[in-house]
Amino acid sequence: MEWFGGYSMILHSADNLIIHKSTKPGVIILEYEVHGVVHTTNKLYDNRFCSIITIKDRKIIHWRDYMDSLAVVLATS
């Protein structure tokens, strides 16, 4: 949750984590949801993410996120 602290949304939870194993060694795929409120509009914010993470020597060396961009537009407008 600290990592998301720079967003304009005030996040209060994350859930529905699904972990997928990749066929490529060292790659993990995560699906999860975050929930909160947009402090400028006071609208609820719910979004889904897919993260593709590469791990080498037990350290994250690359992290790429995909999200529902429309959820951001609807919550901030």
Foldseek 3Di string as FASTA:
>chain_A
DVVCVVDQWDWDDKDPWDWDDDPDPQKIKIKIKIWTARVVQRFIAIKIKIWIFGDDPNDTPDIDIDIDVVSVVVRPD
